[in-house]
Amino acid sequence: AQTAGTVPIDMEALHLDALAFTGHKS
């Protein structure tokens, strides 16, 4: 919620099973 759009996030590198995001913040 506080990082999507301002901090790079790599789902593959983090081996995330799911990533939740919001569209209205960053």
mmCIF file of all heavy atoms, coordinates in Angstrom:
data_MODEL
# 
_entry.id   MODEL 
# 
loop_
_atom_site.group_PDB 
_atom_site.id 
_atom_site.type_symbol 
_atom_site.label_atom_id 
_atom_site.label_alt_id 
_atom_site.label_comp_id 
_atom_site.label_asym_id 
_atom_site.label_entity_id 
_atom_site.label_seq_id 
_atom_site.pdbx_PDB_ins_code 
_atom_site.Cartn_x 
_atom_site.Cartn_y 
_atom_site.Cartn_z 
_atom_site.occupancy 
_atom_site.B_iso_or_equiv 
_atom_site.pdbx_formal_charge 
_atom_site.auth_seq_id 
_atom_site.auth_comp_id 
_atom_site.auth_asym_id 
_atom_site.auth_atom_id 
_atom_site.pdbx_PDB_model_num 
ATOM 1   N N   . ALA A 1 1  ? 0.813  -1.220  0.000   1.00 0.00 ? 1  ALA A N   1 
ATOM 2   C CA  . ALA A 1 1  ? 0.000  0.000   0.000   1.00 0.00 ? 1  ALA A CA  1 
ATOM 3   C C   . ALA A 1 1  ? 0.848  1.272   0.000   1.00 0.00 ? 1  ALA A C   1 
ATOM 4   O O   . ALA A 1 1  ? 0.514  2.244   -0.672  1.00 0.00 ? 1  ALA A O   1 
ATOM 5   C CB  . ALA A 1 1  ? -0.954 0.002   1.189   1.00 0.00 ? 1  ALA A CB  1 
ATOM 6   N N   . GLN A 1 2  ? 1.946  1.274   0.756   1.00 0.00 ? 2  GLN A N   1 
ATOM 7   C CA  . GLN A 1 2  ? 2.751  2.491   0.901   1.00 0.00 ? 2  GLN A CA  1 
ATOM 8   C C   . GLN A 1 2  ? 3.949  2.551   -0.032  1.00 0.00 ? 2  GLN A C   1 
ATOM 9   O O   . GLN A 1 2  ? 4.689  3.547   -0.007  1.00 0.00 ? 2  GLN A O   1 
ATOM 10  C CB  . GLN A 1 2  ? 3.221  2.625   2.360   1.00 0.00 ? 2  GLN A CB  1 
ATOM 11  C CG  . GLN A 1 2  ? 2.107  2.819   3.368   1.00 0.00 ? 2  GLN A CG  1 
ATOM 12  C CD  . GLN A 1 2  ? 1.319  4.094   3.136   1.00 0.00 ? 2  GLN A CD  1 
ATOM 13  O OE1 . GLN A 1 2  ? 1.839  5.106   2.666   1.00 0.00 ? 2  GLN A OE1 1 
ATOM 14  N NE2 . GLN A 1 2  ? 0.028  4.050   3.464   1.00 0.00 ? 2  GLN A NE2 1 
ATOM 15  N N   . THR A 1 3  ? 4.165  1.525   -0.836  1.00 0.00 ? 3  THR A N   1 
ATOM 16  C CA  . THR A 1 3  ? 5.390  1.497   -1.636  1.00 0.00 ? 3  THR A CA  1 
ATOM 17  C C   . THR A 1 3  ? 5.170  1.342   -3.137  1.00 0.00 ? 3  THR A C   1 
ATOM 18  O O   . THR A 1 3  ? 6.029  1.747   -3.924  1.00 0.00 ? 3  THR A O   1 
ATOM 19  C CB  . THR A 1 3  ? 6.304  0.349   -1.168  1.00 0.00 ? 3  THR A CB  1 
ATOM 20  O OG1 . THR A 1 3  ? 5.566  -0.890  -1.194  1.00 0.00 ? 3  THR A OG1 1 
ATOM 21  C CG2 . THR A 1 3  ? 6.826  0.610   0.238   1.00 0.00 ? 3  THR A CG2 1 
ATOM 22  N N   . ALA A 1 4  ? 4.056  0.751   -3.553  1.00 0.00 ? 4  ALA A N   1 
ATOM 23  C CA  . ALA A 1 4  ? 3.838  0.522   -4.981  1.00 0.00 ? 4  ALA A CA  1 
ATOM 24  C C   . ALA A 1 4  ? 3.816  1.845   -5.735  1.00 0.00 ? 4  ALA A C   1 
ATOM 25  O O   . ALA A 1 4  ? 3.006  2.718   -5.449  1.00 0.00 ? 4  ALA A O   1 
ATOM 26  C CB  . ALA A 1 4  ? 2.528  -0.228  -5.201  1.00 0.00 ? 4  ALA A CB  1 
ATOM 27  N N   . GLY A 1 5  ? 4.729  2.009   -6.676  1.00 0.00 ? 5  GLY A N   1 
ATOM 28  C CA  . GLY A 1 5  ? 4.811  3.236   -7.447  1.00 0.00 ? 5  GLY A CA  1 
ATOM 29  C C   . GLY A 1 5  ? 5.915  4.165   -7.018  1.00 0.00 ? 5  GLY A C   1 
ATOM 30  O O   . GLY A 1 5  ? 6.257  5.101   -7.744  1.00 0.00 ? 5  GLY A O   1 
ATOM 31  N N   . THR A 1 6  ? 6.500  3.908   -5.849  1.00 0.00 ? 6  THR A N   1 
ATOM 32  C CA  . THR A 1 6  ? 7.598  4.761   -5.379  1.00 0.00 ? 6  THR A CA  1 
ATOM 33  C C   . THR A 1 6  ? 8.856  3.963   -5.062  1.00 0.00 ? 6  THR A C   1 
ATOM 34  O O   . THR A 1 6  ? 9.957  4.506   -5.099  1.00 0.00 ? 6  THR A O   1 
ATOM 35  C CB  . THR A 1 6  ? 7.161  5.580   -4.145  1.00 0.00 ? 6  THR A CB  1 
ATOM 36  O OG1 . THR A 1 6  ? 8.165  6.546   -3.836  1.00 0.00 ? 6  THR A OG1 1 
ATOM 37  C CG2 . THR A 1 6  ? 6.924  4.711   -2.933  1.00 0.00 ? 6  THR A CG2 1 
ATOM 38  N N   . VAL A 1 7  ? 8.707  2.674   -4.765  1.00 0.00 ? 7  VAL A N   1 
ATOM 39  C CA  . VAL A 1 7  ? 9.843  1.796   -4.468  1.00 0.00 ? 7  VAL A CA  1 
ATOM 40  C C   . VAL A 1 7  ? 9.805  0.618   -5.443  1.00 0.00 ? 7  VAL A C   1 
ATOM 41  O O   . VAL A 1 7  ? 8.757  -0.018  -5.588  1.00 0.00 ? 7  VAL A O   1 
ATOM 42  C CB  . VAL A 1 7  ? 9.774  1.273   -3.014  1.00 0.00 ? 7  VAL A CB  1 
ATOM 43  C CG1 . VAL A 1 7  ? 10.913 0.299   -2.731  1.00 0.00 ? 7  VAL A CG1 1 
ATOM 44  C CG2 . VAL A 1 7  ? 9.819  2.435   -2.032  1.00 0.00 ? 7  VAL A CG2 1 
ATOM 45  N N   . PRO A 1 8  ? 10.898 0.295   -6.129  1.00 0.00 ? 8  PRO A N   1 
ATOM 46  C CA  . PRO A 1 8  ? 10.895 -0.862  -7.027  1.00 0.00 ? 8  PRO A CA  1 
ATOM 47  C C   . PRO A 1 8  ? 10.581 -2.155  -6.272  1.00 0.00 ? 8  PRO A C   1 
ATOM 48  O O   . PRO A 1 8  ? 11.113 -2.398  -5.188  1.00 0.00 ? 8  PRO A O   1 
ATOM 49  C CB  . PRO A 1 8  ? 12.325 -0.882  -7.581  1.00 0.00 ? 8  PRO A CB  1 
ATOM 50  C CG  . PRO A 1 8  ? 12.831 0.513   -7.405  1.00 0.00 ? 8  PRO A CG  1 
ATOM 51  C CD  . PRO A 1 8  ? 12.179 1.013   -6.149  1.00 0.00 ? 8  PRO A CD  1 
ATOM 52  N N   . ILE A 1 9  ? 9.700  -2.977  -6.838  1.00 0.00 ? 9  ILE A N   1 
ATOM 53  C CA  . ILE A 1 9  ? 9.312  -4.254  -6.237  1.00 0.00 ? 9  ILE A CA  1 
ATOM 54  C C   . ILE A 1 9  ? 9.383  -5.317  -7.318  1.00 0.00 ? 9  ILE A C   1 
ATOM 55  O O   . ILE A 1 9  ? 8.775  -5.167  -8.379  1.00 0.00 ? 9  ILE A O   1 
ATOM 56  C CB  . ILE A 1 9  ? 7.890  -4.192  -5.649  1.00 0.00 ? 9  ILE A CB  1 
ATOM 57  C CG1 . ILE A 1 9  ? 7.782  -3.079  -4.600  1.00 0.00 ? 9  ILE A CG1 1 
ATOM 58  C CG2 . ILE A 1 9  ? 7.502  -5.542  -5.039  1.00 0.00 ? 9  ILE A CG2 1 
ATOM 59  C CD1 . ILE A 1 9  ? 6.359  -2.766  -4.179  1.00 0.00 ? 9  ILE A CD1 1 
ATOM 60  N N   . ASP A 1 10 ? 10.128 -6.367  -7.049  1.00 0.00 ? 10 ASP A N   1 
ATOM 61  C CA  . ASP A 1 10 ? 10.347 -7.442  -8.021  1.00 0.00 ? 10 ASP A CA  1 
ATOM 62  C C   . ASP A 1 10 ? 9.740  -8.727  -7.470  1.00 0.00 ? 10 ASP A C   1 
ATOM 63  O O   . ASP A 1 10 ? 10.302 -9.364  -6.579  1.00 0.00 ? 10 ASP A O   1 
ATOM 64  C CB  . ASP A 1 10 ? 11.844 -7.611  -8.268  1.00 0.00 ? 10 ASP A CB  1 
ATOM 65  C CG  . ASP A 1 10 ? 12.159 -8.534  -9.438  1.00 0.00 ? 10 ASP A CG  1 
ATOM 66  O OD1 . ASP A 1 10 ? 11.427 -9.527  -9.622  1.00 0.00 ? 10 ASP A OD1 1 
ATOM 67  O OD2 . ASP A 1 10 ? 13.150 -8.274  -10.145 1.00 0.00 ? 10 ASP A OD2 1 
ATOM 68  N N   . MET A 1 11 ? 8.583  -9.101  -7.991  1.00 0.00 ? 11 MET A N   1 
ATOM 69  C CA  . MET A 1 11 ? 7.900  -10.298 -7.501  1.00 0.00 ? 11 MET A CA  1 
ATOM 70  C C   . MET A 1 11 ? 8.739  -11.553 -7.669  1.00 0.00 ? 11 MET A C   1 
ATOM 71  O O   . MET A 1 11 ? 8.729  -12.434 -6.808  1.00 0.00 ? 11 MET A O   1 
ATOM 72  C CB  . MET A 1 11 ? 6.559  -10.479 -8.217  1.00 0.00 ? 11 MET A CB  1 
ATOM 73  C CG  . MET A 1 11 ? 5.432  -9.648  -7.662  1.00 0.00 ? 11 MET A CG  1 
ATOM 74  S SD  . MET A 1 11 ? 3.804  -10.174 -8.269  1.00 0.00 ? 11 MET A SD  1 
ATOM 75  C CE  . MET A 1 11 ? 3.594  -11.770 -7.458  1.00 0.00 ? 11 MET A CE  1 
ATOM 76  N N   . GLU A 1 12 ? 9.445  -11.635 -8.768  1.00 0.00 ? 12 GLU A N   1 
ATOM 77  C CA  . GLU A 1 12 ? 10.241 -12.838 -9.038  1.00 0.00 ? 12 GLU A CA  1 
ATOM 78  C C   . GLU A 1 12 ? 11.412 -12.929 -8.071  1.00 0.00 ? 12 GLU A C   1 
ATOM 79  O O   . GLU A 1 12 ? 11.671 -13.987 -7.482  1.00 0.00 ? 12 GLU A O   1 
ATOM 80  C CB  . GLU A 1 12 ? 10.741 -12.825 -10.486 1.00 0.00 ? 12 GLU A CB  1 
ATOM 81  C CG  . GLU A 1 12 ? 9.650  -12.708 -11.526 1.00 0.00 ? 12 GLU A CG  1 
ATOM 82  C CD  . GLU A 1 12 ? 8.780  -13.952 -11.641 1.00 0.00 ? 12 GLU A CD  1 
ATOM 83  O OE1 . GLU A 1 12 ? 9.106  -14.983 -11.019 1.00 0.00 ? 12 GLU A OE1 1 
ATOM 84  O OE2 . GLU A 1 12 ? 7.766  -13.890 -12.365 1.00 0.00 ? 12 GLU A OE2 1 
ATOM 85  N N   . ALA A 1 13 ? 12.132 -11.825 -7.890  1.00 0.00 ? 13 ALA A N   1 
ATOM 86  C CA  . ALA A 1 13 ? 13.295 -11.830 -6.999  1.00 0.00 ? 13 ALA A CA  1 
ATOM 87  C C   . ALA A 1 13 ? 12.897 -12.100 -5.559  1.00 0.00 ? 13 ALA A C   1 
ATOM 88  O O   . ALA A 1 13 ? 13.649 -12.734 -4.805  1.00 0.00 ? 13 ALA A O   1 
ATOM 89  C CB  . ALA A 1 13 ? 14.040 -10.500 -7.100  1.00 0.00 ? 13 ALA A CB  1 
ATOM 90  N N   . LEU A 1 14 ? 11.696 -11.641 -5.168  1.00 0.00 ? 14 LEU A N   1 
ATOM 91  C CA  . LEU A 1 14 ? 11.234 -11.838 -3.796  1.00 0.00 ? 14 LEU A CA  1 
ATOM 92  C C   . LEU A 1 14 ? 10.474 -13.152 -3.615  1.00 0.00 ? 14 LEU A C   1 
ATOM 93  O O   . LEU A 1 14 ? 10.080 -13.479 -2.498  1.00 0.00 ? 14 LEU A O   1 
ATOM 94  C CB  . LEU A 1 14 ? 10.331 -10.677 -3.375  1.00 0.00 ? 14 LEU A CB  1 
ATOM 95  C CG  . LEU A 1 14 ? 11.006 -9.315  -3.220  1.00 0.00 ? 14 LEU A CG  1 
ATOM 96  C CD1 . LEU A 1 14 ? 9.968  -8.233  -2.936  1.00 0.00 ? 14 LEU A CD1 1 
ATOM 97  C CD2 . LEU A 1 14 ? 12.057 -9.348  -2.106  1.00 0.00 ? 14 LEU A CD2 1 
ATOM 98  N N   . HIS A 1 15 ? 10.284 -13.875 -4.709  1.00 0.00 ? 15 HIS A N   1 
ATOM 99  C CA  . HIS A 1 15 ? 9.551  -15.151 -4.662  1.00 0.00 ? 15 HIS A CA  1 
ATOM 100 C C   . HIS A 1 15 ? 8.187  -14.958 -3.998  1.00 0.00 ? 15 HIS A C   1 
ATOM 101 O O   . HIS A 1 15 ? 7.744  -15.779 -3.177  1.00 0.00 ? 15 HIS A O   1 
ATOM 102 C CB  . HIS A 1 15 ? 10.359 -16.218 -3.904  1.00 0.00 ? 15 HIS A CB  1 
ATOM 103 C CG  . HIS A 1 15 ? 11.696 -16.498 -4.509  1.00 0.00 ? 15 HIS A CG  1 
ATOM 104 N ND1 . HIS A 1 15 ? 11.857 -17.265 -5.636  1.00 0.00 ? 15 HIS A ND1 1 
ATOM 105 C CD2 . HIS A 1 15 ? 12.938 -16.080 -4.153  1.00 0.00 ? 15 HIS A CD2 1 
ATOM 106 C CE1 . HIS A 1 15 ? 13.138 -17.329 -5.949  1.00 0.00 ? 15 HIS A CE1 1 
ATOM 107 N NE2 . HIS A 1 15 ? 13.814 -16.612 -5.074  1.00 0.00 ? 15 HIS A NE2 1 
ATOM 108 N N   . LEU A 1 16 ? 7.510  -13.875 -4.378  1.00 0.00 ? 16 LEU A N   1 
ATOM 109 C CA  . LEU A 1 16 ? 6.189  -13.598 -3.804  1.00 0.00 ? 16 LEU A CA  1 
ATOM 110 C C   . LEU A 1 16 ? 5.150  -14.525 -4.413  1.00 0.00 ? 16 LEU A C   1 
ATOM 111 O O   . LEU A 1 16 ? 5.124  -14.751 -5.620  1.00 0.00 ? 16 LEU A O   1 
ATOM 112 C CB  . LEU A 1 16 ? 5.793  -12.149 -4.053  1.00 0.00 ? 16 LEU A CB  1 
ATOM 113 C CG  . LEU A 1 16 ? 6.592  -11.069 -3.320  1.00 0.00 ? 16 LEU A CG  1 
ATOM 114 C CD1 . LEU A 1 16 ? 6.136  -9.688  -3.776  1.00 0.00 ? 16 LEU A CD1 1 
ATOM 115 C CD2 . LEU A 1 16 ? 6.446  -11.210 -1.818  1.00 0.00 ? 16 LEU A CD2 1 
ATOM 116 N N   . ASP A 1 17 ? 4.277  -15.024 -3.564  1.00 0.00 ? 17 ASP A N   1 
ATOM 117 C CA  . ASP A 1 17 ? 3.139  -15.811 -4.046  1.00 0.00 ? 17 ASP A CA  1 
ATOM 118 C C   . ASP A 1 17 ? 1.979  -14.914 -4.425  1.00 0.00 ? 17 ASP A C   1 
ATOM 119 O O   . ASP A 1 17 ? 1.185  -15.257 -5.302  1.00 0.00 ? 17 ASP A O   1 
ATOM 120 C CB  . ASP A 1 17 ? 2.732  -16.824 -2.975  1.00 0.00 ? 17 ASP A CB  1 
ATOM 121 C CG  . ASP A 1 17 ? 3.845  -17.819 -2.705  1.00 0.00 ? 17 ASP A CG  1 
ATOM 122 O OD1 . ASP A 1 17 ? 4.041  -18.721 -3.528  1.00 0.00 ? 17 ASP A OD1 1 
ATOM 123 O OD2 . ASP A 1 17 ? 4.539  -17.669 -1.681  1.00 0.00 ? 17 ASP A OD2 1 
ATOM 124 N N   . ALA A 1 18 ? 1.879  -13.783 -3.749  1.00 0.00 ? 18 ALA A N   1 
ATOM 125 C CA  . ALA A 1 18 ? 0.875  -12.772 -4.104  1.00 0.00 ? 18 ALA A CA  1 
ATOM 126 C C   . ALA A 1 18 ? 1.358  -11.414 -3.629  1.00 0.00 ? 18 ALA A C   1 
ATOM 127 O O   . ALA A 1 18 ? 2.062  -11.302 -2.625  1.00 0.00 ? 18 ALA A O   1 
ATOM 128 C CB  . ALA A 1 18 ? -0.484 -13.104 -3.495  1.00 0.00 ? 18 ALA A CB  1 
ATOM 129 N N   . LEU A 1 19 ? 0.968  -10.395 -4.375  1.00 0.00 ? 19 LEU A N   1 
ATOM 130 C CA  . LEU A 1 19 ? 1.282  -9.009  -4.044  1.00 0.00 ? 19 LEU A CA  1 
ATOM 131 C C   . LEU A 1 19 ? -0.022 -8.227  -4.117  1.00 0.00 ? 19 LEU A C   1 
ATOM 132 O O   . LEU A 1 19 ? -0.688 -8.230  -5.151  1.00 0.00 ? 19 LEU A O   1 
ATOM 133 C CB  . LEU A 1 19 ? 2.313  -8.457  -5.023  1.00 0.00 ? 19 LEU A CB  1 
ATOM 134 C CG  . LEU A 1 19 ? 2.743  -7.000  -4.885  1.00 0.00 ? 19 LEU A CG  1 
ATOM 135 C CD1 . LEU A 1 19 ? 4.151  -6.803  -5.447  1.00 0.00 ? 19 LEU A CD1 1 
ATOM 136 C CD2 . LEU A 1 19 ? 1.780  -6.028  -5.590  1.00 0.00 ? 19 LEU A CD2 1 
ATOM 137 N N   . ALA A 1 20 ? -0.387 -7.575  -3.025  1.00 0.00 ? 20 ALA A N   1 
ATOM 138 C CA  . ALA A 1 20 ? -1.599 -6.759  -2.980  1.00 0.00 ? 20 ALA A CA  1 
ATOM 139 C C   . ALA A 1 20 ? -1.218 -5.293  -3.170  1.00 0.00 ? 20 ALA A C   1 
ATOM 140 O O   . ALA A 1 20 ? -0.221 -4.816  -2.608  1.00 0.00 ? 20 ALA A O   1 
ATOM 141 C CB  . ALA A 1 20 ? -2.327 -6.956  -1.656  1.00 0.00 ? 20 ALA A CB  1 
ATOM 142 N N   . PHE A 1 21 ? -2.013 -4.568  -3.982  1.00 0.00 ? 21 PHE A N   1 
ATOM 143 C CA  . PHE A 1 21 ? -1.698 -3.169  -4.267  1.00 0.00 ? 21 PHE A CA  1 
ATOM 144 C C   . PHE A 1 21 ? -2.962 -2.317  -4.211  1.00 0.00 ? 21 PHE A C   1 
ATOM 145 O O   . PHE A 1 21 ? -4.075 -2.818  -4.320  1.00 0.00 ? 21 PHE A O   1 
ATOM 146 C CB  . PHE A 1 21 ? -1.039 -3.027  -5.649  1.00 0.00 ? 21 PHE A CB  1 
ATOM 147 C CG  . PHE A 1 21 ? -1.985 -3.260  -6.798  1.00 0.00 ? 21 PHE A CG  1 
ATOM 148 C CD1 . PHE A 1 21 ? -2.696 -2.210  -7.368  1.00 0.00 ? 21 PHE A CD1 1 
ATOM 149 C CD2 . PHE A 1 21 ? -2.174 -4.538  -7.320  1.00 0.00 ? 21 PHE A CD2 1 
ATOM 150 C CE1 . PHE A 1 21 ? -3.577 -2.419  -8.422  1.00 0.00 ? 21 PHE A CE1 1 
ATOM 151 C CE2 . PHE A 1 21 ? -3.052 -4.765  -8.375  1.00 0.00 ? 21 PHE A CE2 1 
ATOM 152 C CZ  . PHE A 1 21 ? -3.754 -3.698  -8.928  1.00 0.00 ? 21 PHE A CZ  1 
ATOM 153 N N   . THR A 1 22 ? -2.755 -1.032  -4.043  1.00 0.00 ? 22 THR A N   1 
ATOM 154 C CA  . THR A 1 22 ? -3.832 -0.065  -4.176  1.00 0.00 ? 22 THR A CA  1 
ATOM 155 C C   . THR A 1 22 ? -3.472 0.907   -5.277  1.00 0.00 ? 22 THR A C   1 
ATOM 156 O O   . THR A 1 22 ? -2.290 1.214   -5.490  1.00 0.00 ? 22 THR A O   1 
ATOM 157 C CB  . THR A 1 22 ? -4.091 0.691   -2.867  1.00 0.00 ? 22 THR A CB  1 
ATOM 158 O OG1 . THR A 1 22 ? -5.247 1.517   -3.025  1.00 0.00 ? 22 THR A OG1 1 
ATOM 159 C CG2 . THR A 1 22 ? -2.906 1.554   -2.458  1.00 0.00 ? 22 THR A CG2 1 
ATOM 160 N N   . GLY A 1 23 ? -4.473 1.406   -5.980  1.00 0.00 ? 23 GLY A N   1 
ATOM 161 C CA  . GLY A 1 23 ? -4.203 2.280   -7.112  1.00 0.00 ? 23 GLY A CA  1 
ATOM 162 C C   . GLY A 1 23 ? -4.141 3.750   -6.779  1.00 0.00 ? 23 GLY A C   1 
ATOM 163 O O   . GLY A 1 23 ? -3.658 4.547   -7.581  1.00 0.00 ? 23 GLY A O   1 
ATOM 164 N N   . HIS A 1 24 ? -4.598 4.153   -5.590  1.00 0.00 ? 24 HIS A N   1 
ATOM 165 C CA  . HIS A 1 24 ? -4.817 5.579   -5.338  1.00 0.00 ? 24 HIS A CA  1 
ATOM 166 C C   . HIS A 1 24 ? -3.735 6.254   -4.515  1.00 0.00 ? 24 HIS A C   1 
ATOM 167 O O   . HIS A 1 24 ? -3.810 7.458   -4.274  1.00 0.00 ? 24 HIS A O   1 
ATOM 168 C CB  . HIS A 1 24 ? -6.179 5.788   -4.659  1.00 0.00 ? 24 HIS A CB  1 
ATOM 169 C CG  . HIS A 1 24 ? -6.225 5.334   -3.228  1.00 0.00 ? 24 HIS A CG  1 
ATOM 170 N ND1 . HIS A 1 24 ? -6.067 6.198   -2.172  1.00 0.00 ? 24 HIS A ND1 1 
ATOM 171 C CD2 . HIS A 1 24 ? -6.420 4.111   -2.684  1.00 0.00 ? 24 HIS A CD2 1 
ATOM 172 C CE1 . HIS A 1 24 ? -6.165 5.527   -1.035  1.00 0.00 ? 24 HIS A CE1 1 
ATOM 173 N NE2 . HIS A 1 24 ? -6.379 4.258   -1.322  1.00 0.00 ? 24 HIS A NE2 1 
ATOM 174 N N   . LYS A 1 25 ? -2.730 5.510   -4.079  1.00 0.00 ? 25 LYS A N   1 
ATOM 175 C CA  . LYS A 1 25 ? -1.660 6.141   -3.288  1.00 0.00 ? 25 LYS A CA  1 
ATOM 176 C C   . LYS A 1 25 ? -0.494 6.486   -4.212  1.00 0.00 ? 25 LYS A C   1 
ATOM 177 O O   . LYS A 1 25 ? -0.639 7.344   -5.077  1.00 0.00 ? 25 LYS A O   1 
ATOM 178 C CB  . LYS A 1 25 ? -1.286 5.249   -2.111  1.00 0.00 ? 25 LYS A CB  1 
ATOM 179 C CG  . LYS A 1 25 ? -2.461 5.091   -1.140  1.00 0.00 ? 25 LYS A CG  1 
ATOM 180 C CD  . LYS A 1 25 ? -2.100 4.449   0.166   1.00 0.00 ? 25 LYS A CD  1 
ATOM 181 C CE  . LYS A 1 25 ? -3.335 4.326   1.050   1.00 0.00 ? 25 LYS A CE  1 
ATOM 182 N NZ  . LYS A 1 25 ? -3.055 3.790   2.388   1.00 0.00 ? 25 LYS A NZ  1 
ATOM 183 N N   . SER A 1 26 ? 0.650  5.849   -4.080  1.00 0.00 ? 26 SER A N   1 
ATOM 184 C CA  . SER A 1 26 ? 1.806  6.257   -4.884  1.00 0.00 ? 26 SER A CA  1 
ATOM 185 C C   . SER A 1 26 ? 1.656  5.958   -6.369  1.00 0.00 ? 26 SER A C   1 
ATOM 186 O O   . SER A 1 26 ? 2.413  6.499   -7.179  1.00 0.00 ? 26 SER A O   1 
ATOM 187 C CB  . SER A 1 26 ? 3.080  5.605   -4.342  1.00 0.00 ? 26 SER A CB  1 
ATOM 188 O OG  . SER A 1 26 ? 3.371  6.087   -3.053  1.00 0.00 ? 26 SER A OG  1 
# 
